[in-house]
Protein backbone atom coordinates (compact mmCIF):
# COMPACT_ATOMS: atom_id res chain seq x y z
CA MET A 1 -0.30 0.16 0.25
CA ALA A 2 1.48 3.69 -1.06
CA ILE A 3 -1.36 6.96 -1.54
CA LEU A 4 -0.60 9.73 -3.76
CA LEU A 5 -1.97 13.17 -2.18
CA THR A 6 -2.33 15.71 -4.76
CA GLY A 7 -2.50 19.00 -3.18
CA GLY A 8 0.71 18.52 -1.39
CA THR A 9 1.34 21.43 -0.13
CA GLY A 10 -1.87 22.24 1.07
CA LYS A 11 -3.66 21.96 4.56
CA THR A 12 -4.72 18.49 4.91
CA SER A 13 -2.22 17.01 2.63
CA LEU A 14 0.29 18.34 4.94
CA HIS A 15 -2.06 16.83 7.64
CA LEU A 16 -2.62 13.63 6.09
CA ALA A 17 0.90 13.37 5.45
CA ALA A 18 1.46 13.65 9.12
CA LEU A 19 -0.93 10.42 9.99
CA LEU A 20 0.70 8.48 7.19
CA GLN A 21 4.42 9.16 8.62
CA GLN A 22 3.21 7.91 11.97
CA ALA A 23 1.59 4.99 10.62
CA ASN A 24 4.10 3.93 8.67
CA ILE A 25 2.22 3.75 5.63
CA PRO A 26 4.31 5.11 2.42
CA PHE A 27 3.09 8.27 0.56
CA LEU A 28 3.90 10.72 -2.30
CA LEU A 29 3.18 14.37 -2.44
CA THR A 30 2.90 16.04 -5.45
CA SER A 31 3.37 19.94 -6.36
CA ARG A 32 3.81 21.94 -9.03
CA ARG A 33 7.63 22.64 -7.97
CA GLY A 34 8.54 19.23 -7.32
CA PRO A 35 10.30 18.36 -4.98
CA SER A 36 11.81 21.37 -4.00
CA ALA A 37 8.10 21.91 -2.35
CA SER A 38 8.80 19.63 0.06
CA SER A 39 10.95 18.19 2.48
CA LEU A 40 9.08 15.36 2.11
CA PRO A 41 8.65 12.67 -0.23
CA THR A 42 7.63 15.11 -3.29
CA VAL A 43 7.07 14.65 -7.23
CA LYS A 44 5.95 17.28 -9.97
CA PHE A 45 3.03 17.26 -10.95
CA ASP A 46 0.41 19.99 -12.47
CA TRP A 47 -3.38 19.09 -13.29
CA ASN A 48 -3.01 21.40 -16.32
CA ASP A 49 -0.03 19.59 -18.05
CA GLU A 50 -1.01 16.16 -18.49
CA THR A 51 2.42 15.23 -19.25
CA THR A 52 3.30 15.65 -15.25
CA TRP A 53 0.55 13.04 -14.13
CA THR A 54 2.85 9.71 -14.96
CA ASN A 55 5.49 11.02 -12.74
CA ALA A 56 3.89 9.69 -9.60
CA PHE A 57 3.76 6.14 -10.79
CA SER A 58 7.43 5.39 -11.49
CA HIS A 59 8.70 6.94 -8.12
CA ARG A 60 10.09 4.28 -6.05
CA PHE A 61 8.70 3.43 -2.47
CA PRO A 62 10.28 1.14 -0.14
CA ARG A 63 9.49 -2.50 -0.20
CA SER A 64 8.66 -1.47 -3.72
CA GLU A 65 4.88 -0.66 -2.94
CA LYS A 66 2.93 0.35 -5.58
CA ILE A 67 0.12 3.55 -5.03
CA THR A 68 -3.33 2.09 -4.07
CA ALA A 69 -5.58 4.64 -3.18
CA ILE A 70 -5.47 8.31 -4.93
CA TYR A 71 -6.27 11.60 -2.77
CA LEU A 72 -7.64 14.06 -5.24
CA LEU A 73 -7.56 17.74 -4.41
CA SER A 74 -8.78 19.96 -7.43
CA GLY A 75 -6.62 23.00 -6.50
CA GLU A 76 -8.39 26.33 -8.64
CA LEU A 77 -9.55 24.89 -11.73
CA ALA A 78 -12.76 26.44 -12.42
CA GLU A 79 -13.58 23.21 -14.61
CA PRO A 80 -12.44 20.50 -12.32
CA ALA A 81 -14.15 17.40 -13.45
CA PRO A 82 -13.02 16.62 -17.31
CA LEU A 83 -9.06 16.56 -15.84
CA LEU A 84 -9.84 14.87 -12.55
CA ASN A 85 -12.15 12.16 -14.39
CA LYS A 86 -9.62 11.36 -17.12
CA PHE A 87 -6.62 11.28 -14.94
CA ILE A 88 -8.51 8.45 -12.62
CA ASP A 89 -8.72 6.69 -15.95
CA LEU A 90 -5.32 6.60 -16.05
CA ALA A 91 -4.63 6.10 -12.66
CA HIS A 92 -7.29 3.40 -12.88
CA SER A 93 -6.91 1.25 -16.08
CA GLU A 94 -3.03 1.90 -16.62
CA TYR A 95 -1.45 2.01 -13.16
CA GLY A 96 -4.00 -0.64 -11.11
CA VAL A 97 -5.19 2.35 -8.42
CA LYS A 98 -8.16 1.09 -6.65
CA ARG A 99 -9.31 3.37 -4.25
CA PHE A 100 -10.13 7.35 -4.57
CA VAL A 101 -11.02 9.58 -1.86
CA LEU A 102 -12.15 13.22 -3.66
CA CYS A 103 -12.24 16.52 -1.18
CA SER A 104 -14.98 18.80 -2.16
CA GLY A 105 -17.30 20.69 -0.50
CA SER A 106 -19.90 20.38 2.05
CA THR A 107 -22.68 21.51 -0.59
CA ALA A 108 -21.73 18.91 -3.62
CA GLU A 109 -23.78 16.81 -5.28
CA MET A 110 -23.42 13.86 -7.07
CA GLY A 111 -24.26 14.62 -11.22
CA GLY A 112 -24.11 18.69 -9.55
CA PRO A 113 -21.46 21.21 -10.94
CA TYR A 114 -17.90 21.64 -10.33
CA HIS A 115 -17.07 18.32 -8.64
CA GLY A 116 -20.39 16.46 -9.11
CA LYS A 117 -18.77 14.88 -12.34
CA ILE A 118 -16.42 13.16 -10.53
CA TRP A 119 -18.45 11.94 -7.62
CA GLN A 120 -20.76 10.60 -10.30
CA LYS A 121 -18.01 8.67 -12.35
CA LEU A 122 -16.76 7.20 -9.19
CA TYR A 123 -19.74 5.79 -8.41
CA GLU A 124 -21.08 4.67 -11.84
CA GLU A 125 -18.07 2.42 -12.12
CA LYS A 126 -17.88 1.08 -9.45
CA LEU A 127 -14.67 1.93 -8.23
CA GLU A 128 -13.47 1.66 -4.29
CA TYR A 129 -14.30 5.82 -3.60
CA CYS A 130 -15.38 8.42 -0.53
CA VAL A 131 -16.42 12.27 -1.14
CA LEU A 132 -15.51 14.29 1.77
CA ARG A 133 -17.90 17.29 2.06
CA PRO A 134 -15.87 19.45 4.49
CA SER A 135 -17.83 23.07 5.53
CA TRP A 136 -15.20 26.05 5.47
CA PHE A 137 -11.80 25.63 7.24
CA MET A 138 -11.50 27.19 10.50
CA GLY A 139 -9.52 30.96 9.79
CA GLN A 140 -9.58 29.98 5.69
CA GLY A 141 -8.50 32.76 4.00
CA HIS A 142 -8.69 35.46 7.09
CA PHE A 143 -5.25 35.04 8.65
CA GLU A 144 -3.59 37.72 7.41
CA THR A 145 -6.05 40.15 7.63
CA ILE A 146 -6.61 39.60 11.15
CA LYS A 147 -2.85 39.47 12.40
CA TYR A 148 -2.51 43.06 10.36
CA LYS A 149 -5.52 45.06 10.41
CA ASN A 150 -7.87 43.27 13.35
CA THR A 151 -9.91 42.83 10.57
CA ILE A 152 -12.59 39.50 9.22
CA PHE A 153 -13.98 40.62 5.71
CA SER A 154 -16.79 38.67 4.40
CA ALA A 155 -19.72 38.54 2.35
CA CYS A 156 -21.07 36.21 4.95
CA ALA A 157 -23.27 38.80 6.69
CA ASP A 158 -25.00 36.48 9.64
CA GLY A 159 -24.83 33.12 8.21
CA LYS A 160 -23.92 30.76 10.19
CA ILE A 161 -21.21 28.35 9.17
CA PRO A 162 -20.33 24.85 10.90
CA PHE A 163 -16.00 25.75 10.47
CA ALA A 164 -13.84 22.43 9.98
CA SER A 165 -10.32 21.85 11.13
CA ALA A 166 -8.08 20.73 8.27
CA GLU A 167 -6.99 18.65 11.15
CA ASP A 168 -10.86 16.43 11.34
CA ILE A 169 -10.36 16.63 7.65
CA ALA A 170 -7.36 14.79 7.07
CA ARG A 171 -8.37 12.22 9.82
CA VAL A 172 -11.57 11.44 8.15
CA ALA A 173 -9.63 11.00 5.04
CA PHE A 174 -6.74 8.83 6.61
CA HIS A 175 -9.48 6.20 7.05
CA THR A 176 -11.39 6.49 3.75
CA LEU A 177 -7.42 5.95 2.06
CA THR A 178 -6.10 3.21 4.56
CA ASP A 179 -9.40 1.27 5.81
CA ALA A 180 -9.69 -2.10 4.57
CA THR A 181 -13.23 -1.56 3.54
CA PRO A 182 -14.09 1.26 0.96
CA HIS A 183 -16.15 3.25 2.79
CA ASN A 184 -18.13 4.35 -0.98
CA ARG A 185 -20.07 7.05 0.40
CA SER A 186 -19.89 10.70 0.89
CA TYR A 187 -19.10 12.22 4.55
CA ARG A 188 -19.94 15.87 5.45
CA ILE A 189 -16.91 17.06 7.65
CA LEU A 190 -18.79 19.74 10.21
CA GLY A 191 -17.25 21.30 13.23
CA PRO A 192 -18.71 20.89 16.22
CA GLU A 193 -20.76 24.55 16.48
CA LEU A 194 -22.49 26.69 14.46
CA LEU A 195 -20.74 30.09 14.19
CA THR A 196 -21.23 33.32 12.35
CA TYR A 197 -18.27 35.53 11.57
CA ASP A 198 -19.48 38.46 14.53
CA GLN A 199 -18.98 35.47 16.56
CA ILE A 200 -16.10 33.79 15.56
CA ALA A 201 -14.54 37.76 15.83
CA GLU A 202 -14.92 37.59 19.30
CA LYS A 203 -13.35 34.57 20.33
CA LEU A 204 -10.39 35.62 18.43
CA SER A 205 -10.94 39.13 20.42
CA ILE A 206 -10.66 36.93 23.82
CA HIS A 207 -7.95 34.56 22.46
CA LEU A 208 -5.65 37.22 20.84
CA SER A 209 -6.34 39.68 23.59
CA LYS A 210 -6.64 42.02 20.95
CA LYS A 211 -10.66 43.67 19.36
CA ILE A 212 -11.43 42.00 16.02
CA THR A 213 -13.98 43.71 14.07
CA HIS A 214 -16.15 41.59 11.18
CA VAL A 215 -16.45 44.00 8.37
CA LYS A 216 -19.93 42.92 6.29
CA LEU A 217 -19.01 43.17 2.48
CA SER A 218 -21.37 43.60 -0.25
CA PRO A 219 -21.17 40.74 -2.98
CA GLU A 220 -19.31 43.53 -5.26
CA GLU A 221 -17.16 44.50 -2.86
CA ARG A 222 -15.61 41.57 -1.50
CA ILE A 223 -15.41 39.92 -5.93
CA GLN A 224 -13.42 43.15 -6.05
CA GLY A 225 -11.31 42.40 -2.69
CA PHE A 226 -10.30 38.80 -4.14
CA LYS A 227 -9.34 39.91 -7.29
CA ASP A 228 -7.43 42.98 -5.45
CA VAL A 229 -5.05 40.09 -3.76
CA GLY A 230 -4.54 38.25 -7.25
CA LEU A 231 -7.48 35.84 -7.26
CA PRO A 232 -8.17 34.91 -10.90
CA PRO A 233 -11.99 36.45 -11.92
CA HIS A 234 -13.70 32.76 -11.83
CA MET A 235 -11.96 32.26 -8.08
CA SER A 236 -13.40 35.23 -6.90
CA SER A 237 -16.56 34.52 -8.11
CA PHE A 238 -16.94 31.08 -6.90
CA LEU A 239 -15.44 31.83 -3.30
CA THR A 240 -17.98 34.79 -3.03
CA ASN A 241 -20.81 32.78 -4.50
CA LEU A 242 -20.50 30.27 -1.41
CA GLU A 243 -20.37 33.27 0.99
CA ILE A 244 -23.49 34.35 -0.46
CA MET A 245 -25.07 30.96 0.14
CA ALA A 246 -23.69 31.03 3.86
CA ALA A 247 -25.41 34.41 4.36
CA GLU A 248 -28.44 32.64 3.41
CA GLY A 249 -28.58 30.20 5.58
CA LYS A 250 -27.20 27.15 3.14
CA GLU A 251 -24.28 26.40 5.10
CA ALA A 252 -25.57 25.69 8.35
CA TRP A 253 -25.59 21.75 8.43
CA ASP A 254 -24.96 19.93 11.31
CA GLY A 255 -24.15 16.04 11.86
CA ASN A 256 -21.83 13.23 13.38
CA ASP A 257 -19.67 11.88 10.30
CA VAL A 258 -16.58 13.16 11.89
CA GLN A 259 -16.69 11.14 15.22
CA LEU A 260 -18.47 8.31 13.16
CA VAL A 261 -15.51 7.62 11.18
CA THR A 262 -12.60 8.59 13.15
CA GLY A 263 -13.94 7.72 16.43
CA ARG A 264 -13.32 11.31 18.15
CA LYS A 265 -15.41 14.53 18.49
CA PRO A 266 -13.97 17.05 16.03
CA MET A 267 -12.16 20.26 16.77
CA SER A 268 -13.70 23.18 18.49
CA PHE A 269 -12.91 26.60 17.12
CA ASP A 270 -11.54 27.23 20.62
CA ALA A 271 -9.07 24.88 20.32
CA PHE A 272 -8.23 25.50 17.33
CA VAL A 273 -7.22 29.09 18.20
CA GLN A 274 -5.22 28.04 21.11
CA LYS A 275 -3.32 25.49 19.11
CA ASN A 276 -2.62 28.20 16.27
CA LYS A 277 -2.12 31.15 18.62
CA GLN A 278 0.93 31.73 17.05
CA VAL A 279 0.17 32.55 13.17
CA TRP A 280 -1.46 35.34 14.24
CA GLU A 281 0.90 36.85 16.73
């Protein structure tokens, strides 16, 4: 058994790599920058450059292990399904990979837009699979504005969100990639409480001993803000639309999938801040 982790420099992949390392399970990260991107085993891989896709399968693992499962992250692709589905075909038919775990989002639906066609392929072709549907990451996209401006900017208004930690996502991914029996279903990965960004700001103010403010932006202001920090237009609109959905109450999920899979309750936002205070200081 060996595990391929696409999106190798992302938060969940790095947490997942640590879990695999602890379990003594061989793994390989991918990055557009190649081996220089990490001190961990890493190969050059770019979704937009199909000539790099086979690099992972020529990697020499200890004990001549072969890649048996792949963690799929699509990054900033505007239309991920055509490329990821083509890669799944390559990995399965040419290299015998049996299991695929797709990290999507809480609103993903089989057959729907963005990742939905990937989920549909995994299901209809009867591959071993799992689709992870995490809610928003704790601290996602706000570290710098909190650290340098004491401010959270969003178009979420008073929408409630069950913020999830990257560690919990990685723990669920670990089980779905390595358990002997395939899960063959989806899991919503949620934090233990529904919080507005006003409440997040209050909690941060207490833990960081400084006043943190949530500034409520219009959708147009939010899109422009994303563009101002260098995000491409399609990602600026995509992320803003997620915030609008949260403002409309469409992210207020509840459930216990994290505990169901891992046997442990998900991390609270207070515990997350205490563990990561240094990133804001």
